[in-house]
């Protein structure tokens, strides 16, 4: 295999993270469409969340491998806490800021009511208990962050404990058992915030697809080690993009089943991370990572404006409401992104300056 390609970072996944964030945000305008009895944009856009879960599973294993984590009973707990904390601290500034803004917009008429501010729901959202079905009334999309953290808290130590057998033994067992529970309790993957037994449906969903992402790492690794001719790489590139595009089209038209789209996205991620397609040479700029992060910011900042538009712009019709909704979401997301990234940049810069002065 071409060693030069292997060394490059492939940010094609980050490009699709941004695209799918647009899809999810657009999907949430279905409440507008229902009012006017029209077809919403990306009526199955919620399927894009599974893409993020798969990528999360892959990156978890990649993180362990990159940092040369070795099995040690005494350090599994410490390594897990360290990993979860490092993951959460990059998200937290955006999460807390979006929560504050959402709280202000939703409770603008009773903002002075201290009881609402310190209600169980508000506190549960601050402490990220969305996977248990608590604290999603202010910023609903935060359920995804909560589920991701909860599932990683389970899978990370298990992977460290059973590293040699996890991907092809433990992960399939967890997936099968979760599907059995899903079928036994008739859990709907379409309603992620509904509670079934102990957890939200989104938790079971995250458990399935994050473990699929862990399996994807091993398959991608096998593909990465396989030497391919230029022709085969070109064919693989076409297949890779076709898988993403068909998945995207299904989110708009809805011609496949739930797991059908998930499997397409799974194979697309496997190809992308293998670095065997030509996208590994086209998407090498780190700017795509910033674009991807901005997509995540939009995801966190949009739901409060859905409620706001429903209250103030219902008379305009679906398409105009859609445009206003997106304009408000983009405006807040740009401000949030610049503010948080600016603060983080200043913090890092000052920290480096202090180190240089000390040396």
Protein backbone atom coordinates (compact mmCIF):
# COMPACT_ATOMS: atom_id res chain seq x y z
CA UNK A 1 0.00 0.00 0.00
CA UNK A 2 1.12 3.56 -0.61
CA UNK A 3 2.83 4.64 2.64
CA UNK A 4 2.34 8.31 1.83
CA UNK A 5 -1.43 7.86 1.83
CA UNK A 6 -1.30 5.89 5.07
CA UNK A 7 0.34 8.78 6.93
CA UNK A 8 -2.20 11.37 5.86
CA UNK A 9 -5.25 12.30 7.91
CA UNK A 10 -8.45 11.78 5.97
CA UNK A 11 -11.04 14.42 6.83
CA UNK A 12 -13.73 13.12 4.47
CA UNK A 13 -15.64 11.88 7.53
CA UNK A 14 -15.57 15.44 8.90
CA UNK A 15 -17.04 16.70 5.64
CA UNK A 16 -19.94 14.26 6.01
CA UNK A 17 -20.32 15.13 9.68
CA UNK A 18 -21.08 18.67 8.58
CA UNK A 19 -23.49 17.54 5.83
CA UNK A 20 -25.36 15.23 8.19
CA UNK A 21 -25.60 17.97 10.84
CA UNK A 22 -27.44 20.09 8.24
CA UNK A 23 -29.71 17.10 7.59
CA UNK A 24 -30.54 16.62 11.28
CA UNK A 25 -31.22 20.31 11.88
CA UNK A 26 -33.44 20.44 8.78
CA UNK A 27 -35.28 17.29 9.89
CA UNK A 28 -36.32 18.96 13.12
CA UNK A 29 -38.43 21.44 11.15
CA UNK A 30 -40.95 18.63 10.58
CA UNK A 31 -43.05 20.27 13.32
CA UNK A 32 -43.51 23.24 10.95
CA UNK A 33 -44.48 20.98 8.08
CA UNK A 34 -47.05 19.11 10.18
CA UNK A 35 -48.85 22.40 10.87
CA UNK A 36 -49.28 23.03 7.14
CA UNK A 37 -49.73 19.39 6.10
CA UNK A 38 -46.73 19.47 3.75
CA UNK A 39 -43.79 17.12 3.31
CA UNK A 40 -40.81 18.20 5.47
CA UNK A 41 -37.22 18.37 4.26
CA UNK A 42 -35.26 15.22 5.14
CA UNK A 43 -38.19 13.45 6.75
CA UNK A 44 -35.84 10.63 7.89
CA UNK A 45 -32.98 12.92 8.88
CA UNK A 46 -32.78 11.40 12.37
CA UNK A 47 -31.02 8.41 10.76
CA UNK A 48 -27.89 10.56 10.43
CA UNK A 49 -27.32 10.28 14.20
CA UNK A 50 -26.28 6.64 13.71
CA UNK A 51 -23.40 7.86 11.55
CA UNK A 52 -22.05 9.85 14.50
CA UNK A 53 -22.36 6.85 16.82
CA UNK A 54 -20.44 4.62 14.39
CA UNK A 55 -17.67 7.23 14.02
CA UNK A 56 -17.53 7.59 17.83
CA UNK A 57 -16.96 3.83 18.24
CA UNK A 58 -14.21 3.86 15.63
CA UNK A 59 -12.45 6.87 17.16
CA UNK A 60 -12.61 5.36 20.64
CA UNK A 61 -10.55 2.36 19.52
CA UNK A 62 -8.27 4.59 17.46
CA UNK A 63 -7.64 6.73 20.56
CA UNK A 64 -6.67 3.67 22.59
CA UNK A 65 -4.32 2.39 19.87
CA UNK A 66 -2.70 5.79 19.27
CA UNK A 67 -1.91 6.28 22.95
CA UNK A 68 -0.55 2.72 23.22
CA UNK A 69 -2.88 1.84 26.06
CA UNK A 70 -1.97 -1.58 27.44
CA UNK A 71 -4.12 -3.87 29.52
CA UNK A 72 -3.56 -3.21 33.24
CA UNK A 73 -6.25 -4.00 35.78
CA UNK A 74 -5.05 -1.24 38.09
CA UNK A 75 -5.32 1.55 35.51
CA UNK A 76 -8.54 0.70 33.61
CA UNK A 77 -10.72 2.87 35.86
CA UNK A 78 -8.29 5.79 35.78
CA UNK A 79 -7.86 5.56 31.99
CA UNK A 80 -11.63 5.46 31.50
CA UNK A 81 -12.21 8.57 33.62
CA UNK A 82 -9.36 10.36 31.85
CA UNK A 83 -10.78 9.47 28.42
CA UNK A 84 -14.36 10.49 29.29
CA UNK A 85 -13.17 13.74 30.85
CA UNK A 86 -11.00 14.66 27.84
CA UNK A 87 -13.95 13.94 25.54
CA UNK A 88 -16.43 15.91 27.61
CA UNK A 89 -14.27 18.98 28.23
CA UNK A 90 -14.07 19.67 24.47
CA UNK A 91 -17.88 19.55 24.23
CA UNK A 92 -18.83 21.18 27.53
CA UNK A 93 -18.27 24.88 26.60
CA UNK A 94 -20.60 24.54 23.60
CA UNK A 95 -23.07 22.42 25.57
CA UNK A 96 -23.40 24.81 28.52
CA UNK A 97 -23.57 27.92 26.32
CA UNK A 98 -26.28 26.41 24.10
CA UNK A 99 -28.19 25.39 27.21
CA UNK A 100 -28.07 28.93 28.65
CA UNK A 101 -29.25 30.49 25.37
CA UNK A 102 -31.98 27.86 24.94
CA UNK A 103 -33.13 28.43 28.52
CA UNK A 104 -33.39 32.19 27.96
CA UNK A 105 -35.32 31.86 24.68
CA UNK A 106 -37.70 29.17 25.94
CA UNK A 107 -38.37 30.85 29.31
CA UNK A 108 -38.19 34.46 28.15
CA UNK A 109 -41.58 35.22 29.71
CA UNK A 110 -40.77 33.72 33.11
CA UNK A 111 -36.98 34.10 33.20
CA UNK A 112 -37.12 35.50 36.73
CA UNK A 113 -38.75 32.32 38.07
CA UNK A 114 -35.94 30.82 40.18
CA UNK A 115 -37.88 27.57 40.65
CA UNK A 116 -37.64 26.83 36.92
CA UNK A 117 -33.91 27.58 36.92
CA UNK A 118 -33.27 25.05 39.69
CA UNK A 119 -35.90 22.50 38.69
CA UNK A 120 -35.05 18.80 38.50
CA UNK A 121 -35.19 18.94 34.71
CA UNK A 122 -32.74 21.85 34.48
CA UNK A 123 -30.28 20.31 36.94
CA UNK A 124 -30.54 16.92 35.21
CA UNK A 125 -29.58 18.58 31.93
CA UNK A 126 -26.60 20.32 33.53
CA UNK A 127 -25.36 16.96 34.84
CA UNK A 128 -26.02 15.25 31.50
CA UNK A 129 -28.62 12.66 32.55
CA UNK A 130 -30.38 12.58 29.18
CA UNK A 131 -29.69 8.86 28.70
CA UNK A 132 -31.96 8.21 31.71
CA UNK A 133 -34.73 10.34 30.24
CA UNK A 134 -34.16 13.39 32.39
CA UNK A 135 -33.18 16.90 31.42
CA UNK A 136 -33.98 17.25 27.74
CA UNK A 137 -36.76 19.84 27.95
CA UNK A 138 -34.40 22.79 27.43
CA UNK A 139 -32.06 21.47 24.75
CA UNK A 140 -33.43 18.21 23.36
CA UNK A 141 -30.44 17.37 21.11
CA UNK A 142 -28.25 17.09 24.20
CA UNK A 143 -29.64 13.53 24.56
CA UNK A 144 -27.06 12.47 21.97
CA UNK A 145 -24.12 13.79 24.03
CA UNK A 146 -25.49 12.14 27.17
CA UNK A 147 -25.98 8.77 25.44
CA UNK A 148 -22.54 8.94 23.82
CA UNK A 149 -20.85 9.56 27.18
CA UNK A 150 -22.85 6.83 28.93
CA UNK A 151 -22.10 4.20 26.29
CA UNK A 152 -18.41 5.14 26.15
CA UNK A 153 -18.29 4.82 29.94
CA UNK A 154 -19.35 1.19 29.45
CA UNK A 155 -17.47 0.23 26.29
CA UNK A 156 -14.12 1.91 27.01
CA UNK A 157 -13.20 -0.14 30.12
CA UNK A 158 -14.64 -3.31 28.56
CA UNK A 159 -12.44 -2.79 25.52
CA UNK A 160 -9.36 -2.30 27.71
CA UNK A 161 -10.25 -5.44 29.68
CA UNK A 162 -10.99 -7.66 26.66
CA UNK A 163 -8.90 -5.90 24.03
CA UNK A 164 -7.97 -9.06 22.12
CA UNK A 165 -11.53 -10.39 21.88
CA UNK A 166 -13.73 -7.30 22.12
CA UNK A 167 -14.25 -6.37 18.46
CA UNK A 168 -15.24 -9.80 17.14
CA UNK A 169 -16.69 -11.41 20.27
CA UNK A 170 -17.80 -8.98 23.00
CA UNK A 171 -19.13 -6.27 20.64
CA UNK A 172 -21.30 -8.71 18.60
CA UNK A 173 -22.67 -10.20 21.84
CA UNK A 174 -23.59 -6.71 23.15
CA UNK A 175 -25.21 -5.82 19.81
CA UNK A 176 -27.22 -9.06 19.71
CA UNK A 177 -28.36 -8.77 23.33
CA UNK A 178 -29.39 -5.14 22.80
CA UNK A 179 -31.39 -6.08 19.68
CA UNK A 180 -33.09 -8.87 21.68
CA UNK A 181 -34.02 -6.35 24.39
CA UNK A 182 -35.17 -3.93 21.67
CA UNK A 183 -37.46 -6.54 20.12
CA UNK A 184 -38.72 -7.88 23.47
CA UNK A 185 -39.73 -4.44 24.72
CA UNK A 186 -40.70 -3.27 21.22
CA UNK A 187 -38.30 -0.33 21.51
CA UNK A 188 -38.78 2.28 18.79
CA UNK A 189 -35.51 3.59 17.36
CA UNK A 190 -37.52 6.48 15.88
CA UNK A 191 -38.24 7.98 19.31
CA UNK A 192 -34.84 8.34 21.00
CA UNK A 193 -36.08 10.25 24.04
CA UNK A 194 -38.85 7.84 25.03
CA UNK A 195 -38.01 5.70 28.08
CA UNK A 196 -38.06 1.92 27.88
CA UNK A 197 -37.38 0.04 31.10
CA UNK A 198 -34.39 1.93 32.63
CA UNK A 199 -33.01 3.99 29.75
CA UNK A 200 -34.09 6.11 26.82
CA UNK A 201 -34.46 4.40 23.47
CA UNK A 202 -31.50 6.47 22.29
CA UNK A 203 -29.27 4.65 24.79
CA UNK A 204 -30.01 1.26 23.20
CA UNK A 205 -29.47 2.85 19.82
CA UNK A 206 -26.07 4.22 20.88
CA UNK A 207 -25.07 0.88 22.37
CA UNK A 208 -25.70 -0.87 19.04
CA UNK A 209 -24.02 1.62 16.72
CA UNK A 210 -21.01 2.55 18.86
CA UNK A 211 -20.19 -1.14 19.05
CA UNK A 212 -20.65 -1.40 15.28
CA UNK A 213 -18.12 1.44 15.04
CA UNK A 214 -15.67 -0.61 17.14
CA UNK A 215 -16.07 -3.53 14.73
CA UNK A 216 -15.65 -1.06 11.85
CA UNK A 217 -12.19 -0.20 13.17
CA UNK A 218 -10.97 -3.77 12.79
CA UNK A 219 -12.47 -4.19 9.31
CA UNK A 220 -11.03 -0.85 8.23
CA UNK A 221 -7.63 -1.91 9.56
CA UNK A 222 -7.72 -5.06 7.44
CA UNK A 223 -8.64 -3.04 4.36
CA UNK A 224 -5.91 -0.50 5.10
CA UNK A 225 -3.26 -3.24 5.08
CA UNK A 226 -4.37 -4.63 1.72
CA UNK A 227 -2.37 -3.41 -1.33
CA UNK A 228 -4.67 -1.99 -4.03
CA UNK A 229 -4.01 -0.88 -7.60
CA UNK A 230 -4.98 2.59 -8.80
CA UNK A 231 -8.00 1.15 -10.59
CA UNK A 232 -9.25 -0.62 -7.48
CA UNK A 233 -8.73 2.53 -5.42
CA UNK A 234 -10.73 4.52 -7.97
CA UNK A 235 -13.57 1.97 -7.81
CA UNK A 236 -13.45 2.06 -4.01
CA UNK A 237 -13.70 5.87 -4.10
CA UNK A 238 -16.82 5.70 -6.26
CA UNK A 239 -18.39 3.09 -3.95
CA UNK A 240 -17.50 5.13 -0.86
CA UNK A 241 -19.13 8.35 -2.08
CA UNK A 242 -22.09 6.43 -3.52
CA UNK A 243 -22.77 4.90 -0.09
CA UNK A 244 -22.83 8.36 1.53
CA UNK A 245 -24.96 9.88 -1.24
CA UNK A 246 -27.50 7.02 -1.24
CA UNK A 247 -27.75 7.30 2.56
CA UNK A 248 -28.32 11.04 2.21
CA UNK A 249 -30.95 10.51 -0.50
CA UNK A 250 -32.80 7.99 1.67
CA UNK A 251 -33.00 10.52 4.49
CA UNK A 252 -34.88 12.76 2.07
CA UNK A 253 -36.99 10.23 0.15
CA UNK A 254 -37.20 7.32 2.63
CA UNK A 255 -36.95 4.32 0.28
CA UNK A 256 -35.01 1.99 2.61
CA UNK A 257 -35.46 0.58 6.08
CA UNK A 258 -33.86 1.86 9.28
CA UNK A 259 -30.98 -0.59 9.46
CA UNK A 260 -30.44 -0.47 5.69
CA UNK A 261 -29.23 3.13 5.85
CA UNK A 262 -27.13 2.39 8.94
CA UNK A 263 -25.32 -0.45 7.18
CA UNK A 264 -24.59 1.76 4.15
CA UNK A 265 -23.08 4.43 6.40
CA UNK A 266 -21.12 1.76 8.30
CA UNK A 267 -19.41 0.51 5.13
CA UNK A 268 -18.80 4.08 3.96
CA UNK A 269 -17.00 4.86 7.24
CA UNK A 270 -14.93 1.66 6.94
CA UNK A 271 -13.72 2.69 3.47
CA UNK A 272 -13.01 6.29 4.48
CA UNK A 273 -10.94 5.40 7.53
CA UNK A 274 -8.99 2.77 5.58
CA UNK A 275 -7.39 5.65 3.61
CA UNK A 276 -7.52 3.42 0.54
CA UNK A 277 -9.83 5.66 -1.48
CA UNK A 278 -8.70 8.85 -3.22
CA UNK A 279 -10.63 10.96 -0.73
CA UNK A 280 -7.59 10.39 1.51
CA UNK A 281 -5.69 12.66 -0.87
CA UNK A 282 -8.50 15.15 -1.48
CA UNK A 283 -9.63 15.82 2.11
CA UNK A 284 -6.34 16.42 3.94
CA UNK A 285 -6.97 19.94 5.23
CA UNK A 286 -7.59 20.38 8.96
CA UNK A 287 -10.13 23.05 8.07
CA UNK A 288 -12.65 20.26 7.54
CA UNK A 289 -12.37 19.43 11.23
CA UNK A 290 -13.35 23.02 12.07
CA UNK A 291 -16.25 22.80 9.62
CA UNK A 292 -17.33 19.56 11.30
CA UNK A 293 -17.18 21.22 14.73
CA UNK A 294 -19.31 24.08 13.46
CA UNK A 295 -21.88 21.52 12.32
CA UNK A 296 -21.98 20.18 15.88
CA UNK A 297 -22.49 23.72 17.18
CA UNK A 298 -25.49 24.12 14.84
CA UNK A 299 -26.87 20.84 16.16
CA UNK A 300 -26.72 22.11 19.74
CA UNK A 301 -28.13 25.56 18.99
CA UNK A 302 -31.16 25.00 16.79
CA UNK A 303 -34.04 23.54 18.82
CA UNK A 304 -34.78 26.67 20.84
CA UNK A 305 -35.43 28.51 17.56
CA UNK A 306 -37.88 25.84 16.49
CA UNK A 307 -40.03 26.72 19.49
CA UNK A 308 -39.47 30.43 18.87
CA UNK A 309 -40.56 30.18 15.21
CA UNK A 310 -43.62 28.14 16.14
CA UNK A 311 -44.66 30.91 18.51
CA UNK A 312 -43.90 33.96 16.33
CA UNK A 313 -43.82 33.01 12.62
CA UNK A 314 -46.51 30.40 12.14
CA UNK A 315 -48.46 32.77 9.87
CA UNK A 316 -45.64 32.81 7.28
CA UNK A 317 -45.92 29.22 6.07
CA UNK A 318 -43.47 26.32 6.10
CA UNK A 319 -40.77 27.50 3.67
CA UNK A 320 -40.44 31.01 5.12
CA UNK A 321 -40.40 29.58 8.64
CA UNK A 322 -37.71 27.15 7.51
CA UNK A 323 -35.53 30.01 6.21
CA UNK A 324 -36.00 32.15 9.33
CA UNK A 325 -35.26 29.14 11.53
CA UNK A 326 -32.00 28.50 9.66
CA UNK A 327 -31.01 32.18 9.68
CA UNK A 328 -31.41 32.35 13.48
CA UNK A 329 -29.59 29.02 13.97
CA UNK A 330 -26.65 30.10 11.80
CA UNK A 331 -26.38 33.50 13.50
CA UNK A 332 -26.27 32.02 17.00
CA UNK A 333 -23.94 29.21 15.92
CA UNK A 334 -21.43 31.64 14.40
CA UNK A 335 -21.42 33.76 17.57
CA UNK A 336 -21.10 30.67 19.79
CA UNK A 337 -18.31 29.17 17.68
CA UNK A 338 -16.26 32.38 17.58
CA UNK A 339 -16.79 33.01 21.30
CA UNK A 340 -15.84 29.53 22.51
CA UNK A 341 -13.00 29.00 20.06
CA UNK A 342 -11.66 32.48 20.89
CA UNK A 343 -11.67 31.78 24.62
CA UNK A 344 -10.06 28.37 24.12
CA UNK A 345 -7.41 29.85 21.81
CA UNK A 346 -6.58 32.62 24.30
CA UNK A 347 -6.40 30.08 27.13
CA UNK A 348 -4.01 27.80 25.20
CA UNK A 349 -1.93 30.77 24.01
CA UNK A 350 -1.57 32.15 27.54
CA UNK A 351 -0.71 28.69 28.86
CA UNK A 352 2.08 28.28 26.28
CA UNK A 353 3.33 31.80 27.00
CA UNK A 354 3.58 31.04 30.72
CA UNK A 355 5.49 27.81 29.96
CA UNK A 356 7.96 29.62 27.70
CA UNK A 357 8.50 32.30 30.35
CA UNK A 358 9.06 29.64 33.00
CA UNK A 359 11.64 27.91 30.82
